[in-house]
Amino acid sequence: MANTRKSRTDNTPPSELISRKIKELGDWRGRTLARIRELIREADPEIVEEWKWGTPAWSRNGVICTGEVYKNVVKMTFAKGASLKDPDGLFNSSLDGKVRRAVDIHERESINEVALKNLIRAAAALNLK
């Protein structure tokens, strides 16, 4: 992927680090992270893949969201989520935060892909203001 920035820890491109993470997981979490990655690319091809805080991150003029992986959830944390409208009610975690909001995706949960892409686009637009 052309839109990548080098990680801060070494010269491995973030896109490769993300691909490694997906492969290492090898379960529903890896498949979910891979699908999130695809949806981000579809939502806005100008978004850049990064590796921040030991996790995948996607940016466009600032961080849009991270893709954190835990035992029972894949979490998309939107850096400025509290400032975004969420008409489809995707945010279901970190709801009390003053800045961030998150979307937790559990095993066997479907993703409202249209709504998620709209949320990603709104986050990118907010960063461009």
N, C-alpha and C. Protein backbone atom coordinates (compact mmCIF):
# COMPACT_ATOMS: atom_id res chain seq x y z
N MET A 1 0.85 -1.18 0.00
CA MET A 1 0.00 0.00 0.00
C MET A 1 0.89 1.23 0.00
N ALA A 2 0.61 2.16 -0.87
CA ALA A 2 1.45 3.33 -1.01
C ALA A 2 1.31 4.29 0.16
N ASN A 3 0.12 4.39 0.74
CA ASN A 3 -0.13 5.34 1.81
C ASN A 3 0.28 4.76 3.16
N THR A 4 1.57 4.71 3.42
CA THR A 4 2.05 4.24 4.71
C THR A 4 3.17 5.14 5.18
N ARG A 5 3.40 5.12 6.47
CA ARG A 5 4.54 5.82 7.07
C ARG A 5 5.34 4.80 7.84
N LYS A 6 6.62 4.99 7.89
CA LYS A 6 7.48 4.06 8.62
C LYS A 6 7.16 4.10 10.10
N SER A 7 7.30 2.94 10.74
CA SER A 7 7.09 2.90 12.18
C SER A 7 8.24 3.62 12.87
N ARG A 8 8.02 4.01 14.09
CA ARG A 8 9.05 4.75 14.82
C ARG A 8 10.12 3.82 15.39
N THR A 9 9.80 2.53 15.54
CA THR A 9 10.74 1.64 16.19
C THR A 9 11.75 1.02 15.23
N ASP A 10 11.39 0.87 13.98
CA ASP A 10 12.32 0.32 13.00
C ASP A 10 11.88 0.78 11.62
N ASN A 11 12.45 0.17 10.60
CA ASN A 11 12.11 0.58 9.23
C ASN A 11 11.03 -0.27 8.59
N THR A 12 10.37 -1.11 9.37
CA THR A 12 9.30 -1.94 8.82
C THR A 12 8.09 -1.05 8.53
N PRO A 13 7.59 -1.10 7.30
CA PRO A 13 6.41 -0.29 6.98
C PRO A 13 5.21 -0.71 7.85
N PRO A 14 4.43 0.26 8.30
CA PRO A 14 3.26 -0.06 9.12
C PRO A 14 2.33 -1.07 8.46
N SER A 15 2.17 -0.97 7.14
CA SER A 15 1.28 -1.91 6.45
C SER A 15 1.74 -3.35 6.66
N GLU A 16 3.05 -3.55 6.69
CA GLU A 16 3.59 -4.89 6.93
C GLU A 16 3.37 -5.32 8.38
N LEU A 17 3.53 -4.39 9.31
CA LEU A 17 3.29 -4.70 10.72
C LEU A 17 1.83 -5.08 10.95
N ILE A 18 0.93 -4.38 10.29
CA ILE A 18 -0.49 -4.69 10.41
C ILE A 18 -0.78 -6.06 9.81
N SER A 19 -0.23 -6.32 8.64
CA SER A 19 -0.42 -7.63 8.00
C SER A 19 0.11 -8.75 8.88
N ARG A 20 1.26 -8.54 9.49
CA ARG A 20 1.83 -9.54 10.41
C ARG A 20 0.90 -9.79 11.59
N LYS A 21 0.37 -8.71 12.15
CA LYS A 21 -0.53 -8.83 13.30
C LYS A 21 -1.76 -9.66 12.93
N ILE A 22 -2.34 -9.38 11.78
CA ILE A 22 -3.51 -10.12 11.32
C ILE A 22 -3.18 -11.60 11.18
N LYS A 23 -2.04 -11.89 10.56
CA LYS A 23 -1.63 -13.28 10.34
C LYS A 23 -1.34 -13.98 11.67
N GLU A 24 -0.65 -13.29 12.58
CA GLU A 24 -0.32 -13.87 13.89
C GLU A 24 -1.57 -14.23 14.68
N LEU A 25 -2.60 -13.41 14.59
CA LEU A 25 -3.83 -13.69 15.33
C LEU A 25 -4.48 -14.97 14.83
N GLY A 26 -4.62 -15.10 13.52
CA GLY A 26 -5.10 -16.33 12.92
C GLY A 26 -6.47 -16.80 13.37
N ASP A 27 -7.30 -15.90 13.88
CA ASP A 27 -8.63 -16.29 14.33
C ASP A 27 -9.62 -15.21 13.94
N TRP A 28 -10.77 -15.20 14.56
CA TRP A 28 -11.82 -14.23 14.24
C TRP A 28 -11.34 -12.80 14.43
N ARG A 29 -10.42 -12.59 15.39
CA ARG A 29 -9.92 -11.23 15.63
C ARG A 29 -9.08 -10.76 14.44
N GLY A 30 -8.27 -11.64 13.89
CA GLY A 30 -7.49 -11.30 12.71
C GLY A 30 -8.38 -11.01 11.52
N ARG A 31 -9.40 -11.84 11.33
CA ARG A 31 -10.33 -11.62 10.22
C ARG A 31 -11.09 -10.30 10.40
N THR A 32 -11.45 -9.99 11.63
CA THR A 32 -12.17 -8.75 11.90
C THR A 32 -11.26 -7.54 11.66
N LEU A 33 -10.03 -7.61 12.12
CA LEU A 33 -9.09 -6.51 11.90
C LEU A 33 -8.83 -6.34 10.41
N ALA A 34 -8.72 -7.44 9.67
CA ALA A 34 -8.50 -7.36 8.23
C ALA A 34 -9.70 -6.69 7.54
N ARG A 35 -10.90 -7.03 7.98
CA ARG A 35 -12.10 -6.43 7.37
C ARG A 35 -12.18 -4.95 7.71
N ILE A 36 -11.85 -4.57 8.94
CA ILE A 36 -11.83 -3.16 9.32
C ILE A 36 -10.85 -2.40 8.42
N ARG A 37 -9.70 -2.99 8.22
CA ARG A 37 -8.68 -2.38 7.36
C ARG A 37 -9.23 -2.15 5.96
N GLU A 38 -9.91 -3.13 5.41
CA GLU A 38 -10.50 -3.00 4.07
C GLU A 38 -11.54 -1.88 4.04
N LEU A 39 -12.38 -1.83 5.06
CA LEU A 39 -13.42 -0.80 5.11
C LEU A 39 -12.82 0.60 5.20
N ILE A 40 -11.75 0.74 5.96
CA ILE A 40 -11.07 2.03 6.06
C ILE A 40 -10.54 2.44 4.69
N ARG A 41 -9.90 1.53 3.98
CA ARG A 41 -9.38 1.81 2.64
C ARG A 41 -10.50 2.20 1.68
N GLU A 42 -11.63 1.48 1.77
CA GLU A 42 -12.78 1.78 0.91
C GLU A 42 -13.39 3.14 1.25
N ALA A 43 -13.43 3.46 2.52
CA ALA A 43 -14.04 4.72 2.97
C ALA A 43 -13.27 5.93 2.48
N ASP A 44 -11.94 5.83 2.52
CA ASP A 44 -11.12 6.98 2.14
C ASP A 44 -9.72 6.50 1.77
N PRO A 45 -9.43 6.38 0.48
CA PRO A 45 -8.12 5.90 0.04
C PRO A 45 -6.94 6.78 0.46
N GLU A 46 -7.23 8.01 0.91
CA GLU A 46 -6.16 8.91 1.34
C GLU A 46 -5.72 8.66 2.79
N ILE A 47 -6.43 7.81 3.48
CA ILE A 47 -6.06 7.50 4.86
C ILE A 47 -4.74 6.71 4.85
N VAL A 48 -3.89 7.03 5.80
CA VAL A 48 -2.55 6.46 5.89
C VAL A 48 -2.50 5.45 7.03
N GLU A 49 -1.88 4.30 6.75
CA GLU A 49 -1.68 3.31 7.80
C GLU A 49 -0.45 3.66 8.61
N GLU A 50 -0.58 3.53 9.91
CA GLU A 50 0.54 3.79 10.81
C GLU A 50 0.57 2.71 11.88
N TRP A 51 1.64 2.67 12.64
CA TRP A 51 1.78 1.77 13.78
C TRP A 51 2.13 2.64 14.96
N LYS A 52 1.15 2.85 15.86
CA LYS A 52 1.35 3.73 17.01
C LYS A 52 0.97 3.00 18.28
N TRP A 53 1.71 3.22 19.31
CA TRP A 53 1.41 2.65 20.62
C TRP A 53 1.31 1.13 20.56
N GLY A 54 2.06 0.53 19.63
CA GLY A 54 2.07 -0.93 19.49
C GLY A 54 0.82 -1.50 18.87
N THR A 55 0.10 -0.68 18.12
CA THR A 55 -1.16 -1.13 17.53
C THR A 55 -1.37 -0.46 16.17
N PRO A 56 -2.18 -1.08 15.30
CA PRO A 56 -2.50 -0.42 14.03
C PRO A 56 -3.24 0.89 14.28
N ALA A 57 -2.92 1.87 13.44
CA ALA A 57 -3.59 3.17 13.51
C ALA A 57 -3.76 3.68 12.09
N TRP A 58 -4.80 4.46 11.91
CA TRP A 58 -5.07 5.03 10.60
C TRP A 58 -5.24 6.53 10.76
N SER A 59 -4.58 7.29 9.88
CA SER A 59 -4.53 8.74 10.01
C SER A 59 -4.80 9.43 8.68
N ARG A 60 -5.29 10.61 8.80
CA ARG A 60 -5.35 11.57 7.70
C ARG A 60 -5.39 12.94 8.35
N ASN A 61 -4.27 13.62 8.29
CA ASN A 61 -4.12 14.91 8.96
C ASN A 61 -4.39 14.78 10.45
N GLY A 62 -3.93 13.67 11.02
CA GLY A 62 -4.14 13.35 12.43
C GLY A 62 -4.76 11.97 12.54
N VAL A 63 -4.65 11.38 13.70
CA VAL A 63 -5.17 10.03 13.91
C VAL A 63 -6.69 10.02 13.76
N ILE A 64 -7.17 9.06 12.99
CA ILE A 64 -8.62 8.84 12.86
C ILE A 64 -9.04 7.79 13.88
N CYS A 65 -8.38 6.62 13.82
CA CYS A 65 -8.73 5.55 14.76
C CYS A 65 -7.59 4.56 14.89
N THR A 66 -7.67 3.77 15.93
CA THR A 66 -6.74 2.66 16.13
C THR A 66 -7.54 1.37 16.03
N GLY A 67 -6.83 0.27 15.84
CA GLY A 67 -7.45 -1.05 15.79
C GLY A 67 -6.82 -1.94 16.84
N GLU A 68 -7.32 -1.85 18.05
CA GLU A 68 -6.75 -2.61 19.16
C GLU A 68 -7.38 -4.00 19.21
N VAL A 69 -6.57 -4.98 19.59
CA VAL A 69 -7.06 -6.36 19.66
C VAL A 69 -6.87 -6.89 21.07
N TYR A 70 -7.96 -7.38 21.64
CA TYR A 70 -7.96 -7.98 22.96
C TYR A 70 -8.50 -9.41 22.86
N LYS A 71 -8.52 -10.11 23.95
CA LYS A 71 -8.95 -11.51 23.94
C LYS A 71 -10.38 -11.68 23.41
N ASN A 72 -11.28 -10.81 23.84
CA ASN A 72 -12.69 -10.98 23.50
C ASN A 72 -13.27 -9.87 22.62
N VAL A 73 -12.43 -8.97 22.14
CA VAL A 73 -12.96 -7.84 21.37
C VAL A 73 -11.89 -7.25 20.45
N VAL A 74 -12.34 -6.75 19.32
CA VAL A 74 -11.53 -5.90 18.47
C VAL A 74 -12.13 -4.51 18.63
N LYS A 75 -11.30 -3.56 19.02
CA LYS A 75 -11.77 -2.22 19.39
C LYS A 75 -11.23 -1.19 18.41
N MET A 76 -12.15 -0.45 17.84
CA MET A 76 -11.77 0.70 17.01
C MET A 76 -11.97 1.94 17.88
N THR A 77 -10.87 2.56 18.27
CA THR A 77 -10.96 3.77 19.08
C THR A 77 -10.77 4.97 18.17
N PHE A 78 -11.79 5.80 18.11
CA PHE A 78 -11.75 7.01 17.29
C PHE A 78 -11.20 8.15 18.13
N ALA A 79 -10.09 8.74 17.66
CA ALA A 79 -9.37 9.75 18.43
C ALA A 79 -10.24 10.94 18.81
N LYS A 80 -11.13 11.37 17.93
CA LYS A 80 -12.01 12.51 18.20
C LYS A 80 -13.47 12.07 18.18
N GLY A 81 -13.71 10.86 18.61
CA GLY A 81 -15.04 10.27 18.55
C GLY A 81 -16.13 11.07 19.24
N ALA A 82 -15.79 11.72 20.35
CA ALA A 82 -16.79 12.49 21.09
C ALA A 82 -17.31 13.68 20.27
N SER A 83 -16.56 14.08 19.26
CA SER A 83 -16.96 15.21 18.41
C SER A 83 -17.72 14.76 17.16
N LEU A 84 -17.88 13.45 16.99
CA LEU A 84 -18.55 12.92 15.81
C LEU A 84 -20.01 12.60 16.08
N LYS A 85 -20.84 12.86 15.09
CA LYS A 85 -22.22 12.40 15.16
C LYS A 85 -22.21 10.91 14.85
N ASP A 86 -23.04 10.18 15.54
CA ASP A 86 -23.11 8.72 15.38
C ASP A 86 -24.58 8.31 15.21
N PRO A 87 -25.18 8.68 14.07
CA PRO A 87 -26.61 8.44 13.89
C PRO A 87 -27.00 6.96 13.91
N ASP A 88 -26.06 6.08 13.61
CA ASP A 88 -26.35 4.65 13.59
C ASP A 88 -26.02 3.95 14.90
N GLY A 89 -25.51 4.71 15.88
CA GLY A 89 -25.24 4.16 17.19
C GLY A 89 -24.14 3.11 17.21
N LEU A 90 -23.09 3.34 16.44
CA LEU A 90 -21.97 2.39 16.41
C LEU A 90 -21.13 2.45 17.68
N PHE A 91 -20.96 3.63 18.24
CA PHE A 91 -20.14 3.75 19.43
C PHE A 91 -20.81 2.99 20.58
N ASN A 92 -20.07 2.06 21.15
CA ASN A 92 -20.62 1.25 22.25
C ASN A 92 -19.62 1.09 23.39
N SER A 93 -18.54 1.88 23.35
CA SER A 93 -17.51 1.79 24.39
C SER A 93 -16.86 3.16 24.55
N SER A 94 -16.29 3.39 25.72
CA SER A 94 -15.64 4.67 26.04
C SER A 94 -16.62 5.84 25.87
N LEU A 95 -17.87 5.61 26.20
CA LEU A 95 -18.92 6.61 25.97
C LEU A 95 -18.84 7.80 26.92
N ASP A 96 -18.13 7.65 28.03
CA ASP A 96 -18.01 8.75 28.98
C ASP A 96 -16.78 9.62 28.74
N GLY A 97 -15.96 9.23 27.76
CA GLY A 97 -14.76 10.00 27.48
C GLY A 97 -15.08 11.36 26.89
N LYS A 98 -14.24 12.32 27.18
CA LYS A 98 -14.46 13.68 26.68
C LYS A 98 -13.93 13.86 25.27
N VAL A 99 -13.07 12.94 24.80
CA VAL A 99 -12.48 13.08 23.48
C VAL A 99 -12.72 11.84 22.62
N ARG A 100 -12.35 10.68 23.12
CA ARG A 100 -12.42 9.45 22.34
C ARG A 100 -13.77 8.74 22.51
N ARG A 101 -14.08 7.92 21.50
CA ARG A 101 -15.19 6.98 21.54
C ARG A 101 -14.71 5.72 20.83
N ALA A 102 -15.32 4.60 21.15
CA ALA A 102 -14.87 3.35 20.55
C ALA A 102 -16.04 2.49 20.08
N VAL A 103 -15.71 1.63 19.13
CA VAL A 103 -16.63 0.62 18.64
C VAL A 103 -15.99 -0.72 18.99
N ASP A 104 -16.64 -1.47 19.87
CA ASP A 104 -16.17 -2.81 20.23
C ASP A 104 -16.88 -3.82 19.36
N ILE A 105 -16.11 -4.69 18.74
CA ILE A 105 -16.67 -5.75 17.90
C ILE A 105 -16.30 -7.08 18.52
N HIS A 106 -17.33 -7.87 18.85
CA HIS A 106 -17.14 -9.17 19.47
C HIS A 106 -17.27 -10.28 18.43
N GLU A 107 -16.80 -11.45 18.78
CA GLU A 107 -16.89 -12.60 17.90
C GLU A 107 -18.35 -12.82 17.48
N ARG A 108 -18.52 -13.14 16.23
CA ARG A 108 -19.82 -13.43 15.62
C ARG A 108 -20.74 -12.21 15.47
N GLU A 109 -20.24 -11.02 15.81
CA GLU A 109 -21.01 -9.80 15.59
C GLU A 109 -20.79 -9.34 14.16
N SER A 110 -21.86 -8.91 13.53
CA SER A 110 -21.70 -8.35 12.19
C SER A 110 -21.38 -6.86 12.31
N ILE A 111 -20.74 -6.36 11.30
CA ILE A 111 -20.36 -4.95 11.25
C ILE A 111 -21.32 -4.25 10.29
N ASN A 112 -21.91 -3.15 10.73
CA ASN A 112 -22.71 -2.33 9.84
C ASN A 112 -21.71 -1.55 8.98
N GLU A 113 -21.35 -2.15 7.84
CA GLU A 113 -20.25 -1.62 7.02
C GLU A 113 -20.53 -0.25 6.45
N VAL A 114 -21.75 0.00 6.02
CA VAL A 114 -22.10 1.31 5.48
C VAL A 114 -21.96 2.38 6.57
N ALA A 115 -22.50 2.10 7.73
CA ALA A 115 -22.43 3.06 8.84
C ALA A 115 -20.98 3.28 9.28
N LEU A 116 -20.19 2.21 9.33
CA LEU A 116 -18.80 2.34 9.75
C LEU A 116 -18.01 3.18 8.75
N LYS A 117 -18.22 2.96 7.47
CA LYS A 117 -17.52 3.78 6.47
C LYS A 117 -17.94 5.24 6.58
N ASN A 118 -19.21 5.48 6.85
CA ASN A 118 -19.66 6.87 7.04
C ASN A 118 -18.99 7.50 8.25
N LEU A 119 -18.84 6.74 9.33
CA LEU A 119 -18.18 7.24 10.53
C LEU A 119 -16.69 7.53 10.25
N ILE A 120 -16.05 6.66 9.50
CA ILE A 120 -14.64 6.86 9.13
C ILE A 120 -14.49 8.13 8.29
N ARG A 121 -15.38 8.30 7.33
CA ARG A 121 -15.33 9.51 6.49
C ARG A 121 -15.55 10.77 7.31
N ALA A 122 -16.48 10.71 8.26
CA ALA A 122 -16.74 11.86 9.12
C ALA A 122 -15.52 12.19 9.98
N ALA A 123 -14.84 11.16 10.47
CA ALA A 123 -13.63 11.37 11.28
C ALA A 123 -12.52 11.99 10.45
N ALA A 124 -12.39 11.53 9.21
CA ALA A 124 -11.37 12.11 8.31
C ALA A 124 -11.70 13.57 8.01
N ALA A 125 -12.97 13.85 7.76
CA ALA A 125 -13.39 15.22 7.46
C ALA A 125 -13.13 16.14 8.66
N LEU A 126 -13.37 15.63 9.87
CA LEU A 126 -13.13 16.42 11.06
C LEU A 126 -11.65 16.79 11.18
N ASN A 127 -10.78 15.86 10.84
CA ASN A 127 -9.34 16.14 10.90
C ASN A 127 -8.91 17.15 9.85
N LEU A 128 -9.65 17.27 8.78
CA LEU A 128 -9.28 18.19 7.69
C LEU A 128 -9.79 19.61 7.92
N LYS A 129 -10.59 19.80 8.97
CA LYS A 129 -11.12 21.15 9.26
C LYS A 129 -10.05 22.05 9.80
